Amino acid sequence: RCERLKSIEIPNSVNFIGKYAFAGCENLKSITIPNSVTTIEDY
């Protein structure tokens, strides 16, 4: 629920994104998921 967050770039070092990590970020327009992530968790 970071409602004003518009964009985020996740570095290649990240291999896990947990549940609800960006849920409710209603102004998020774009996001880059790096090649290191294998599972996109619930919600």
PDB file of all heavy atoms in Angstrom:
ATOM      1  N   ARG A   1       0.791  -1.225   0.000  1.00  0.00           N
ATOM      2  CA  ARG A   1       0.000   0.000   0.000  1.00  0.00           C
ATOM      3  C   ARG A   1       0.827   1.281   0.000  1.00  0.00           C
ATOM      4  O   ARG A   1       0.427   2.293   0.595  1.00  0.00           O
ATOM      5  CB  ARG A   1      -0.990  -0.010   1.151  1.00  0.00           C
ATOM      6  CG  ARG A   1      -2.000  -1.154   0.967  1.00  0.00           C
ATOM      7  CD  ARG A   1      -3.217  -0.952   1.721  1.00  0.00           C
ATOM      8  NE  ARG A   1      -3.839   0.284   1.224  1.00  0.00           N
ATOM      9  CZ  ARG A   1      -5.107   0.565   1.327  1.00  0.00           C
ATOM     10  NH1 ARG A   1      -5.903  -0.297   1.866  1.00  0.00           N
ATOM     11  NH2 ARG A   1      -5.593   1.683   0.897  1.00  0.00           N
ATOM     12  N   CYS A   2       1.982   1.243  -0.664  1.00  0.00           N
ATOM     13  CA  CYS A   2       2.735   2.486  -0.908  1.00  0.00           C
ATOM     14  C   CYS A   2       2.049   3.136  -2.104  1.00  0.00           C
ATOM     15  O   CYS A   2       2.475   2.981  -3.254  1.00  0.00           O
ATOM     16  CB  CYS A   2       4.206   2.190  -1.176  1.00  0.00           C
ATOM     17  SG  CYS A   2       5.103   1.647   0.277  1.00  0.00           S
ATOM     18  N   GLU A   3       0.973   3.831  -1.837  1.00  0.00           N
ATOM     19  CA  GLU A   3       0.049   4.276  -2.869  1.00  0.00           C
ATOM     20  C   GLU A   3       0.626   5.291  -3.853  1.00  0.00           C
ATOM     21  O   GLU A   3       0.114   5.436  -4.953  1.00  0.00           O
ATOM     22  CB  GLU A   3      -1.223   4.821  -2.214  1.00  0.00           C
ATOM     23  CG  GLU A   3      -1.972   3.733  -1.466  1.00  0.00           C
ATOM     24  CD  GLU A   3      -3.131   4.248  -0.644  1.00  0.00           C
ATOM     25  OE1 GLU A   3      -3.342   5.480  -0.585  1.00  0.00           O
ATOM     26  OE2 GLU A   3      -3.815   3.408  -0.042  1.00  0.00           O
ATOM     27  N   ARG A   4       1.696   5.985  -3.508  1.00  0.00           N
ATOM     28  CA  ARG A   4       2.268   6.985  -4.424  1.00  0.00           C
ATOM     29  C   ARG A   4       3.476   6.480  -5.195  1.00  0.00           C
ATOM     30  O   ARG A   4       3.991   7.178  -6.061  1.00  0.00           O
ATOM     31  CB  ARG A   4       2.619   8.251  -3.651  1.00  0.00           C
ATOM     32  CG  ARG A   4       1.366   8.912  -3.132  1.00  0.00           C
ATOM     33  CD  ARG A   4       1.634  10.275  -2.596  1.00  0.00           C
ATOM     34  NE  ARG A   4       0.354  10.860  -2.195  1.00  0.00           N
ATOM     35  CZ  ARG A   4       0.246  11.905  -1.433  1.00  0.00           C
ATOM     36  NH1 ARG A   4       1.323  12.502  -0.988  1.00  0.00           N
ATOM     37  NH2 ARG A   4      -0.938  12.372  -1.114  1.00  0.00           N
ATOM     38  N   LEU A   5       3.917   5.263  -4.918  1.00  0.00           N
ATOM     39  CA  LEU A   5       5.052   4.668  -5.620  1.00  0.00           C
ATOM     40  C   LEU A   5       4.683   4.457  -7.086  1.00  0.00           C
ATOM     41  O   LEU A   5       3.687   3.817  -7.396  1.00  0.00           O
ATOM     42  CB  LEU A   5       5.415   3.327  -4.967  1.00  0.00           C
ATOM     43  CG  LEU A   5       6.635   2.597  -5.526  1.00  0.00           C
ATOM     44  CD1 LEU A   5       7.909   3.386  -5.264  1.00  0.00           C
ATOM     45  CD2 LEU A   5       6.730   1.216  -4.882  1.00  0.00           C
ATOM     46  N   LYS A   6       5.495   5.028  -8.010  1.00  0.00           N
ATOM     47  CA  LYS A   6       5.173   4.962  -9.440  1.00  0.00           C
ATOM     48  C   LYS A   6       6.027   3.963 -10.208  1.00  0.00           C
ATOM     49  O   LYS A   6       5.578   3.391 -11.186  1.00  0.00           O
ATOM     50  CB  LYS A   6       5.302   6.346 -10.075  1.00  0.00           C
ATOM     51  CG  LYS A   6       4.233   7.296  -9.607  1.00  0.00           C
ATOM     52  CD  LYS A   6       4.318   8.617 -10.331  1.00  0.00           C
ATOM     53  CE  LYS A   6       3.198   9.529  -9.857  1.00  0.00           C
ATOM     54  NZ  LYS A   6       3.244  10.834 -10.479  1.00  0.00           N
ATOM     55  N   SER A   7       7.276   3.777  -9.805  1.00  0.00           N
ATOM     56  CA  SER A   7       8.129   2.821 -10.515  1.00  0.00           C
ATOM     57  C   SER A   7       9.183   2.267  -9.570  1.00  0.00           C
ATOM     58  O   SER A   7       9.518   2.887  -8.565  1.00  0.00           O
ATOM     59  CB  SER A   7       8.794   3.481 -11.727  1.00  0.00           C
ATOM     60  OG  SER A   7       9.712   4.460 -11.306  1.00  0.00           O
ATOM     61  N   ILE A   8       9.674   1.107  -9.926  1.00  0.00           N
ATOM     62  CA  ILE A   8      10.726   0.496  -9.129  1.00  0.00           C
ATOM     63  C   ILE A   8      11.563  -0.387 -10.028  1.00  0.00           C
ATOM     64  O   ILE A   8      11.057  -1.017 -10.945  1.00  0.00           O
ATOM     65  CB  ILE A   8      10.147  -0.303  -7.933  1.00  0.00           C
ATOM     66  CG1 ILE A   8      11.266  -0.710  -6.968  1.00  0.00           C
ATOM     67  CG2 ILE A   8       9.336  -1.492  -8.390  1.00  0.00           C
ATOM     68  CD1 ILE A   8      10.779  -1.079  -5.597  1.00  0.00           C
ATOM     69  N   GLU A   9      12.865  -0.364  -9.790  1.00  0.00           N
ATOM     70  CA  GLU A   9      13.772  -1.244 -10.517  1.00  0.00           C
ATOM     71  C   GLU A   9      14.408  -2.177  -9.503  1.00  0.00           C
ATOM     72  O   GLU A   9      15.022  -1.741  -8.539  1.00  0.00           O
ATOM     73  CB  GLU A   9      14.846  -0.439 -11.254  1.00  0.00           C
ATOM     74  CG  GLU A   9      15.668  -1.306 -12.168  1.00  0.00           C
ATOM     75  CD  GLU A   9      16.618  -0.482 -13.014  1.00  0.00           C
ATOM     76  OE1 GLU A   9      16.234   0.622 -13.433  1.00  0.00           O
ATOM     77  OE2 GLU A   9      17.733  -0.961 -13.233  1.00  0.00           O
ATOM     78  N   ILE A  10      14.210  -3.450  -9.734  1.00  0.00           N
ATOM     79  CA  ILE A  10      14.723  -4.462  -8.806  1.00  0.00           C
ATOM     80  C   ILE A  10      16.073  -4.937  -9.329  1.00  0.00           C
ATOM     81  O   ILE A  10      16.187  -5.324 -10.498  1.00  0.00           O
ATOM     82  CB  ILE A  10      13.726  -5.636  -8.690  1.00  0.00           C
ATOM     83  CG1 ILE A  10      12.368  -5.116  -8.200  1.00  0.00           C
ATOM     84  CG2 ILE A  10      14.254  -6.720  -7.763  1.00  0.00           C
ATOM     85  CD1 ILE A  10      11.252  -6.126  -8.272  1.00  0.00           C
ATOM     86  N   PRO A  11      17.121  -4.924  -8.503  1.00  0.00           N
ATOM     87  CA  PRO A  11      18.457  -5.324  -8.988  1.00  0.00           C
ATOM     88  C   PRO A  11      18.550  -6.828  -9.262  1.00  0.00           C
ATOM     89  O   PRO A  11      17.762  -7.622  -8.742  1.00  0.00           O
ATOM     90  CB  PRO A  11      19.383  -4.915  -7.839  1.00  0.00           C
ATOM     91  CG  PRO A  11      18.516  -4.925  -6.633  1.00  0.00           C
ATOM     92  CD  PRO A  11      17.151  -4.528  -7.083  1.00  0.00           C
ATOM     93  N   ASN A  12      19.539  -7.198 -10.061  1.00  0.00           N
ATOM     94  CA  ASN A  12      19.755  -8.594 -10.433  1.00  0.00           C
ATOM     95  C   ASN A  12      20.143  -9.488  -9.266  1.00  0.00           C
ATOM     96  O   ASN A  12      20.114 -10.704  -9.376  1.00  0.00           O
ATOM     97  CB  ASN A  12      20.837  -8.705 -11.508  1.00  0.00           C
ATOM     98  CG  ASN A  12      20.317  -8.275 -12.857  1.00  0.00           C
ATOM     99  OD1 ASN A  12      19.140  -8.447 -13.150  1.00  0.00           O
ATOM    100  ND2 ASN A  12      21.182  -7.704 -13.668  1.00  0.00           N
ATOM    101  N   SER A  13      20.473  -8.900  -8.148  1.00  0.00           N
ATOM    102  CA  SER A  13      20.835  -9.693  -6.980  1.00  0.00           C
ATOM    103  C   SER A  13      19.610 -10.323  -6.303  1.00  0.00           C
ATOM    104  O   SER A  13      19.730 -11.276  -5.548  1.00  0.00           O
ATOM    105  CB  SER A  13      21.577  -8.810  -5.969  1.00  0.00           C
ATOM    106  OG  SER A  13      20.798  -7.669  -5.654  1.00  0.00           O
ATOM    107  N   VAL A  14      18.403  -9.806  -6.593  1.00  0.00           N
ATOM    108  CA  VAL A  14      17.175 -10.290  -5.946  1.00  0.00           C
ATOM    109  C   VAL A  14      16.716 -11.585  -6.596  1.00  0.00           C
ATOM    110  O   VAL A  14      16.567 -11.665  -7.813  1.00  0.00           O
ATOM    111  CB  VAL A  14      16.050  -9.235  -6.013  1.00  0.00           C
ATOM    112  CG1 VAL A  14      14.716  -9.813  -5.550  1.00  0.00           C
ATOM    113  CG2 VAL A  14      16.421  -8.022  -5.182  1.00  0.00           C
ATOM    114  N   ASN A  15      16.498 -12.615  -5.764  1.00  0.00           N
ATOM    115  CA  ASN A  15      16.002 -13.876  -6.295  1.00  0.00           C
ATOM    116  C   ASN A  15      14.651 -14.272  -5.693  1.00  0.00           C
ATOM    117  O   ASN A  15      14.088 -15.297  -6.054  1.00  0.00           O
ATOM    118  CB  ASN A  15      17.015 -15.010  -6.095  1.00  0.00           C
ATOM    119  CG  ASN A  15      17.429 -15.170  -4.648  1.00  0.00           C
ATOM    120  OD1 ASN A  15      16.630 -14.962  -3.744  1.00  0.00           O
ATOM    121  ND2 ASN A  15      18.677 -15.526  -4.431  1.00  0.00           N
ATOM    122  N   PHE A  16      14.129 -13.461  -4.785  1.00  0.00           N
ATOM    123  CA  PHE A  16      12.853 -13.769  -4.139  1.00  0.00           C
ATOM    124  C   PHE A  16      12.053 -12.498  -3.920  1.00  0.00           C
ATOM    125  O   PHE A  16      12.569 -11.500  -3.432  1.00  0.00           O
ATOM    126  CB  PHE A  16      13.119 -14.448  -2.782  1.00  0.00           C
ATOM    127  CG  PHE A  16      11.876 -14.703  -1.983  1.00  0.00           C
ATOM    128  CD1 PHE A  16      11.080 -15.803  -2.246  1.00  0.00           C
ATOM    129  CD2 PHE A  16      11.499 -13.842  -0.964  1.00  0.00           C
ATOM    130  CE1 PHE A  16       9.920 -16.035  -1.502  1.00  0.00           C
ATOM    131  CE2 PHE A  16      10.347 -14.066  -0.216  1.00  0.00           C
ATOM    132  CZ  PHE A  16       9.561 -15.164  -0.489  1.00  0.00           C
ATOM    133  N   ILE A  17      10.771 -12.542  -4.308  1.00  0.00           N
ATOM    134  CA  ILE A  17       9.840 -11.444  -4.030  1.00  0.00           C
ATOM    135  C   ILE A  17       8.678 -12.052  -3.262  1.00  0.00           C
ATOM    136  O   ILE A  17       7.962 -12.919  -3.767  1.00  0.00           O
ATOM    137  CB  ILE A  17       9.343 -10.771  -5.329  1.00  0.00           C
ATOM    138  CG1 ILE A  17      10.521 -10.211  -6.132  1.00  0.00           C
ATOM    139  CG2 ILE A  17       8.361  -9.650  -4.997  1.00  0.00           C
ATOM    140  CD1 ILE A  17      10.142  -9.683  -7.499  1.00  0.00           C
ATOM    141  N   GLY A  18       8.492 -11.639  -2.019  1.00  0.00           N
ATOM    142  CA  GLY A  18       7.512 -12.241  -1.124  1.00  0.00           C
ATOM    143  C   GLY A  18       6.078 -11.806  -1.368  1.00  0.00           C
ATOM    144  O   GLY A  18       5.794 -10.874  -2.133  1.00  0.00           O
ATOM    145  N   LYS A  19       5.173 -12.476  -0.691  1.00  0.00           N
ATOM    146  CA  LYS A  19       3.742 -12.222  -0.804  1.00  0.00           C
ATOM    147  C   LYS A  19       3.419 -10.773  -0.459  1.00  0.00           C
ATOM    148  O   LYS A  19       3.998 -10.195   0.451  1.00  0.00           O
ATOM    149  CB  LYS A  19       2.977 -13.153   0.135  1.00  0.00           C
ATOM    150  CG  LYS A  19       3.099 -14.604  -0.246  1.00  0.00           C
ATOM    151  CD  LYS A  19       2.410 -15.501   0.755  1.00  0.00           C
ATOM    152  CE  LYS A  19       2.651 -16.945   0.357  1.00  0.00           C
ATOM    153  NZ  LYS A  19       2.050 -17.882   1.297  1.00  0.00           N
ATOM    154  N   TYR A  20       2.500 -10.205  -1.221  1.00  0.00           N
ATOM    155  CA  TYR A  20       1.993  -8.834  -1.016  1.00  0.00           C
ATOM    156  C   TYR A  20       3.082  -7.765  -1.098  1.00  0.00           C
ATOM    157  O   TYR A  20       2.862  -6.634  -0.663  1.00  0.00           O
ATOM    158  CB  TYR A  20       1.288  -8.703   0.344  1.00  0.00           C
ATOM    159  CG  TYR A  20       0.045  -9.537   0.504  1.00  0.00           C
ATOM    160  CD1 TYR A  20       0.088 -10.779   1.129  1.00  0.00           C
ATOM    161  CD2 TYR A  20      -1.179  -9.073   0.053  1.00  0.00           C
ATOM    162  CE1 TYR A  20      -1.053 -11.540   1.299  1.00  0.00           C
ATOM    163  CE2 TYR A  20      -2.333  -9.827   0.208  1.00  0.00           C
ATOM    164  CZ  TYR A  20      -2.266 -11.064   0.839  1.00  0.00           C
ATOM    165  OH  TYR A  20      -3.394 -11.813   1.005  1.00  0.00           O
ATOM    166  N   ALA A  21       4.230  -8.077  -1.654  1.00  0.00           N
ATOM    167  CA  ALA A  21       5.357  -7.140  -1.651  1.00  0.00           C
ATOM    168  C   ALA A  21       4.993  -5.763  -2.211  1.00  0.00           C
ATOM    169  O   ALA A  21       5.410  -4.742  -1.673  1.00  0.00           O
ATOM    170  CB  ALA A  21       6.544  -7.721  -2.407  1.00  0.00           C
ATOM    171  N   PHE A  22       4.217  -5.724  -3.294  1.00  0.00           N
ATOM    172  CA  PHE A  22       3.827  -4.457  -3.909  1.00  0.00           C
ATOM    173  C   PHE A  22       2.307  -4.300  -3.967  1.00  0.00           C
ATOM    174  O   PHE A  22       1.796  -3.416  -4.657  1.00  0.00           O
ATOM    175  CB  PHE A  22       4.405  -4.346  -5.323  1.00  0.00           C
ATOM    176  CG  PHE A  22       5.903  -4.397  -5.355  1.00  0.00           C
ATOM    177  CD1 PHE A  22       6.568  -5.585  -5.650  1.00  0.00           C
ATOM    178  CD2 PHE A  22       6.662  -3.278  -5.075  1.00  0.00           C
ATOM    179  CE1 PHE A  22       7.953  -5.644  -5.669  1.00  0.00           C
ATOM    180  CE2 PHE A  22       8.039  -3.328  -5.085  1.00  0.00           C
ATOM    181  CZ  PHE A  22       8.686  -4.514  -5.381  1.00  0.00           C
ATOM    182  N   ALA A  23       1.582  -5.156  -3.282  1.00  0.00           N
ATOM    183  CA  ALA A  23       0.117  -5.114  -3.316  1.00  0.00           C
ATOM    184  C   ALA A  23      -0.394  -3.763  -2.836  1.00  0.00           C
ATOM    185  O   ALA A  23       0.122  -3.183  -1.891  1.00  0.00           O
ATOM    186  CB  ALA A  23      -0.459  -6.231  -2.446  1.00  0.00           C
ATOM    187  N   GLY A  24      -1.390  -3.256  -3.556  1.00  0.00           N
ATOM    188  CA  GLY A  24      -1.991  -1.989  -3.171  1.00  0.00           C
ATOM    189  C   GLY A  24      -1.189  -0.766  -3.554  1.00  0.00           C
ATOM    190  O   GLY A  24      -1.536   0.346  -3.175  1.00  0.00           O
ATOM    191  N   CYS A  25      -0.109  -0.950  -4.326  1.00  0.00           N
ATOM    192  CA  CYS A  25       0.651   0.203  -4.839  1.00  0.00           C
ATOM    193  C   CYS A  25      -0.095   0.703  -6.072  1.00  0.00           C
ATOM    194  O   CYS A  25       0.291   0.436  -7.206  1.00  0.00           O
ATOM    195  CB  CYS A  25       2.084  -0.205  -5.178  1.00  0.00           C
ATOM    196  SG  CYS A  25       3.064  -0.679  -3.754  1.00  0.00           S
ATOM    197  N   GLU A  26      -1.187   1.402  -5.835  1.00  0.00           N
ATOM    198  CA  GLU A  26      -2.115   1.695  -6.913  1.00  0.00           C
ATOM    199  C   GLU A  26      -1.588   2.633  -7.993  1.00  0.00           C
ATOM    200  O   GLU A  26      -2.155   2.687  -9.075  1.00  0.00           O
ATOM    201  CB  GLU A  26      -3.448   2.200  -6.364  1.00  0.00           C
ATOM    202  CG  GLU A  26      -3.381   3.104  -5.169  1.00  0.00           C
ATOM    203  CD  GLU A  26      -4.742   3.443  -4.609  1.00  0.00           C
ATOM    204  OE1 GLU A  26      -5.367   2.578  -3.987  1.00  0.00           O
ATOM    205  OE2 GLU A  26      -5.158   4.597  -4.793  1.00  0.00           O
ATOM    206  N   ASN A  27      -0.502   3.346  -7.771  1.00  0.00           N
ATOM    207  CA  ASN A  27       0.061   4.212  -8.807  1.00  0.00           C
ATOM    208  C   ASN A  27       1.300   3.633  -9.487  1.00  0.00           C
ATOM    209  O   ASN A  27       1.905   4.294 -10.324  1.00  0.00           O
ATOM    210  CB  ASN A  27       0.372   5.593  -8.229  1.00  0.00           C
ATOM    211  CG  ASN A  27      -0.888   6.409  -8.071  1.00  0.00           C
ATOM    212  OD1 ASN A  27      -1.619   6.613  -9.032  1.00  0.00           O
ATOM    213  ND2 ASN A  27      -1.184   6.835  -6.855  1.00  0.00           N
ATOM    214  N   LEU A  28       1.670   2.416  -9.124  1.00  0.00           N
ATOM    215  CA  LEU A  28       2.819   1.763  -9.744  1.00  0.00           C
ATOM    216  C   LEU A  28       2.506   1.500 -11.216  1.00  0.00           C
ATOM    217  O   LEU A  28       1.546   0.808 -11.535  1.00  0.00           O
ATOM    218  CB  LEU A  28       3.127   0.450  -9.022  1.00  0.00           C
ATOM    219  CG  LEU A  28       4.400  -0.277  -9.417  1.00  0.00           C
ATOM    220  CD1 LEU A  28       5.634   0.552  -9.061  1.00  0.00           C
ATOM    221  CD2 LEU A  28       4.467  -1.631  -8.715  1.00  0.00           C
ATOM    222  N   LYS A  29       3.299   2.089 -12.128  1.00  0.00           N
ATOM    223  CA  LYS A  29       3.034   1.959 -13.563  1.00  0.00           C
ATOM    224  C   LYS A  29       3.947   0.968 -14.239  1.00  0.00           C
ATOM    225  O   LYS A  29       3.564   0.323 -15.205  1.00  0.00           O
ATOM    226  CB  LYS A  29       3.154   3.323 -14.241  1.00  0.00           C
ATOM    227  CG  LYS A  29       2.028   4.239 -13.903  1.00  0.00           C
ATOM    228  CD  LYS A  29       2.029   5.467 -14.772  1.00  0.00           C
ATOM    229  CE  LYS A  29       0.800   6.291 -14.462  1.00  0.00           C
ATOM    230  NZ  LYS A  29       0.614   7.407 -15.341  1.00  0.00           N
ATOM    231  N   SER A  30       5.177   0.867 -13.770  1.00  0.00           N
ATOM    232  CA  SER A  30       6.106  -0.064 -14.420  1.00  0.00           C
ATOM    233  C   SER A  30       7.041  -0.675 -13.391  1.00  0.00           C
ATOM    234  O   SER A  30       7.329  -0.073 -12.364  1.00  0.00           O
ATOM    235  CB  SER A  30       6.905   0.649 -15.507  1.00  0.00           C
ATOM    236  OG  SER A  30       7.746   1.625 -14.936  1.00  0.00           O
ATOM    237  N   ILE A  31       7.478  -1.869 -13.701  1.00  0.00           N
ATOM    238  CA  ILE A  31       8.390  -2.568 -12.817  1.00  0.00           C
ATOM    239  C   ILE A  31       9.255  -3.497 -13.650  1.00  0.00           C
ATOM    240  O   ILE A  31       8.812  -4.031 -14.665  1.00  0.00           O
ATOM    241  CB  ILE A  31       7.621  -3.341 -11.717  1.00  0.00           C
ATOM    242  CG1 ILE A  31       8.573  -3.843 -10.636  1.00  0.00           C
ATOM    243  CG2 ILE A  31       6.777  -4.447 -12.288  1.00  0.00           C
ATOM    244  CD1 ILE A  31       7.913  -4.194  -9.350  1.00  0.00           C
ATOM    245  N   THR A  32      10.495  -3.634 -13.249  1.00  0.00           N
ATOM    246  CA  THR A  32      11.420  -4.552 -13.916  1.00  0.00           C
ATOM    247  C   THR A  32      11.737  -5.697 -12.970  1.00  0.00           C
ATOM    248  O   THR A  32      12.221  -5.470 -11.861  1.00  0.00           O
ATOM    249  CB  THR A  32      12.732  -3.823 -14.287  1.00  0.00           C
ATOM    250  OG1 THR A  32      12.417  -2.708 -15.101  1.00  0.00           O
ATOM    251  CG2 THR A  32      13.662  -4.751 -15.035  1.00  0.00           C
ATOM    252  N   ILE A  33      11.447  -6.902 -13.406  1.00  0.00           N
ATOM    253  CA  ILE A  33      11.779  -8.090 -12.614  1.00  0.00           C
ATOM    254  C   ILE A  33      13.062  -8.660 -13.194  1.00  0.00           C
ATOM    255  O   ILE A  33      13.130  -8.957 -14.386  1.00  0.00           O
ATOM    256  CB  ILE A  33      10.643  -9.137 -12.675  1.00  0.00           C
ATOM    257  CG1 ILE A  33       9.352  -8.548 -12.093  1.00  0.00           C
ATOM    258  CG2 ILE A  33      11.034 -10.406 -11.927  1.00  0.00           C
ATOM    259  CD1 ILE A  33       8.156  -9.444 -12.222  1.00  0.00           C
ATOM    260  N   PRO A  34      14.101  -8.833 -12.379  1.00  0.00           N
ATOM    261  CA  PRO A  34      15.383  -9.322 -12.900  1.00  0.00           C
ATOM    262  C   PRO A  34      15.360 -10.825 -13.213  1.00  0.00           C
ATOM    263  O   PRO A  34      14.493 -11.563 -12.739  1.00  0.00           O
ATOM    264  CB  PRO A  34      16.361  -9.019 -11.770  1.00  0.00           C
ATOM    265  CG  PRO A  34      15.528  -9.027 -10.541  1.00  0.00           C
ATOM    266  CD  PRO A  34      14.176  -8.536 -10.941  1.00  0.00           C
ATOM    267  N   ASN A  35      16.334 -11.256 -14.007  1.00  0.00           N
ATOM    268  CA  ASN A  35      16.462 -12.654 -14.409  1.00  0.00           C
ATOM    269  C   ASN A  35      16.817 -13.585 -13.263  1.00  0.00           C
ATOM    270  O   ASN A  35      16.853 -14.798 -13.451  1.00  0.00           O
ATOM    271  CB  ASN A  35      17.527 -12.800 -15.504  1.00  0.00           C
ATOM    272  CG  ASN A  35      16.965 -12.422 -16.852  1.00  0.00           C
ATOM    273  OD1 ASN A  35      15.815 -12.684 -17.144  1.00  0.00           O
ATOM    274  ND2 ASN A  35      17.792 -11.799 -17.672  1.00  0.00           N
ATOM    275  N   SER A  36      17.045 -13.057 -12.100  1.00  0.00           N
ATOM    276  CA  SER A  36      17.394 -13.886 -10.946  1.00  0.00           C
ATOM    277  C   SER A  36      16.170 -14.433 -10.214  1.00  0.00           C
ATOM    278  O   SER A  36      16.271 -15.374  -9.434  1.00  0.00           O
ATOM    279  CB  SER A  36      18.254 -13.069  -9.983  1.00  0.00           C
ATOM    280  OG  SER A  36      17.633 -11.821  -9.725  1.00  0.00           O
ATOM    281  N   VAL A  37      14.983 -13.861 -10.472  1.00  0.00           N
ATOM    282  CA  VAL A  37      13.758 -14.269  -9.774  1.00  0.00           C
ATOM    283  C   VAL A  37      13.171 -15.514 -10.432  1.00  0.00           C
ATOM    284  O   VAL A  37      13.011 -15.563 -11.644  1.00  0.00           O
ATOM    285  CB  VAL A  37      12.719 -13.126  -9.758  1.00  0.00           C
ATOM    286  CG1 VAL A  37      11.390 -13.574  -9.169  1.00  0.00           C
ATOM    287  CG2 VAL A  37      13.254 -11.930  -8.992  1.00  0.00           C
ATOM    288  N   THR A  38      12.840 -16.527  -9.612  1.00  0.00           N
ATOM    289  CA  THR A  38      12.269 -17.768 -10.153  1.00  0.00           C
ATOM    290  C   THR A  38      10.780 -17.921  -9.850  1.00  0.00           C
ATOM    291  O   THR A  38      10.061 -18.559 -10.599  1.00  0.00           O
ATOM    292  CB  THR A  38      13.012 -19.010  -9.602  1.00  0.00           C
ATOM    293  OG1 THR A  38      12.937 -18.990  -8.179  1.00  0.00           O
ATOM    294  CG2 THR A  38      14.463 -19.011 -10.048  1.00  0.00           C
ATOM    295  N   THR A  39      10.320 -17.345  -8.740  1.00  0.00           N
ATOM    296  CA  THR A  39       8.914 -17.462  -8.350  1.00  0.00           C
ATOM    297  C   THR A  39       8.366 -16.090  -8.011  1.00  0.00           C
ATOM    298  O   THR A  39       8.996 -15.325  -7.294  1.00  0.00           O
ATOM    299  CB  THR A  39       8.754 -18.383  -7.124  1.00  0.00           C
ATOM    300  OG1 THR A  39       9.266 -19.663  -7.440  1.00  0.00           O
ATOM    301  CG2 THR A  39       7.291 -18.517  -6.714  1.00  0.00           C
ATOM    302  N   ILE A  40       7.176 -15.790  -8.537  1.00  0.00           N
ATOM    303  CA  ILE A  40       6.474 -14.569  -8.139  1.00  0.00           C
ATOM    304  C   ILE A  40       5.386 -15.028  -7.179  1.00  0.00           C
ATOM    305  O   ILE A  40       4.434 -15.698  -7.566  1.00  0.00           O
ATOM    306  CB  ILE A  40       5.891 -13.820  -9.358  1.00  0.00           C
ATOM    307  CG1 ILE A  40       7.007 -13.470 -10.353  1.00  0.00           C
ATOM    308  CG2 ILE A  40       5.189 -12.547  -8.898  1.00  0.00           C
ATOM    309  CD1 ILE A  40       6.510 -12.855 -11.647  1.00  0.00           C
ATOM    310  N   GLU A  41       5.557 -14.710  -5.911  1.00  0.00           N
ATOM    311  CA  GLU A  41       4.697 -15.211  -4.834  1.00  0.00           C
ATOM    312  C   GLU A  41       3.264 -14.658  -4.920  1.00  0.00           C
ATOM    313  O   GLU A  41       2.972 -13.741  -5.678  1.00  0.00           O
ATOM    314  CB  GLU A  41       5.309 -14.826  -3.482  1.00  0.00           C
ATOM    315  CG  GLU A  41       6.568 -15.585  -3.142  1.00  0.00           C
ATOM    316  CD  GLU A  41       6.300 -16.996  -2.661  1.00  0.00           C
ATOM    317  OE1 GLU A  41       5.330 -17.217  -1.911  1.00  0.00           O
ATOM    318  OE2 GLU A  41       7.084 -17.879  -3.031  1.00  0.00           O
ATOM    319  N   ASP A  42       2.374 -15.189  -4.079  1.00  0.00           N
ATOM    320  CA  ASP A  42       0.966 -14.799  -4.020  1.00  0.00           C
ATOM    321  C   ASP A  42       0.812 -13.294  -3.805  1.00  0.00           C
ATOM    322  O   ASP A  42       1.514 -12.692  -2.988  1.00  0.00           O
ATOM    323  CB  ASP A  42       0.261 -15.497  -2.854  1.00  0.00           C
ATOM    324  CG  ASP A  42       0.239 -17.006  -2.982  1.00  0.00           C
ATOM    325  OD1 ASP A  42       0.522 -17.519  -4.075  1.00  0.00           O
ATOM    326  OD2 ASP A  42      -0.076 -17.673  -1.981  1.00  0.00           O
ATOM    327  N   TYR A  43      -0.129 -12.709  -4.518  1.00  0.00           N
ATOM    328  CA  TYR A  43      -0.595 -11.325  -4.321  1.00  0.00           C
ATOM    329  C   TYR A  43       0.486 -10.249  -4.476  1.00  0.00           C
ATOM    330  O   TYR A  43       0.290  -9.122  -4.030  1.00  0.00           O
ATOM    331  CB  TYR A  43      -1.233 -11.166  -2.929  1.00  0.00           C
ATOM    332  CG  TYR A  43      -2.390 -12.104  -2.674  1.00  0.00           C
ATOM    333  CD1 TYR A  43      -2.200 -13.300  -1.981  1.00  0.00           C
ATOM    334  CD2 TYR A  43      -3.664 -11.794  -3.126  1.00  0.00           C
ATOM    335  CE1 TYR A  43      -3.252 -14.161  -1.747  1.00  0.00           C
ATOM    336  CE2 TYR A  43      -4.728 -12.663  -2.890  1.00  0.00           C
ATOM    337  CZ  TYR A  43      -4.514 -13.841  -2.200  1.00  0.00           C
ATOM    338  OH  TYR A  43      -5.559 -14.685  -1.973  1.00  0.00           O
TER     339      TYR A  43
END
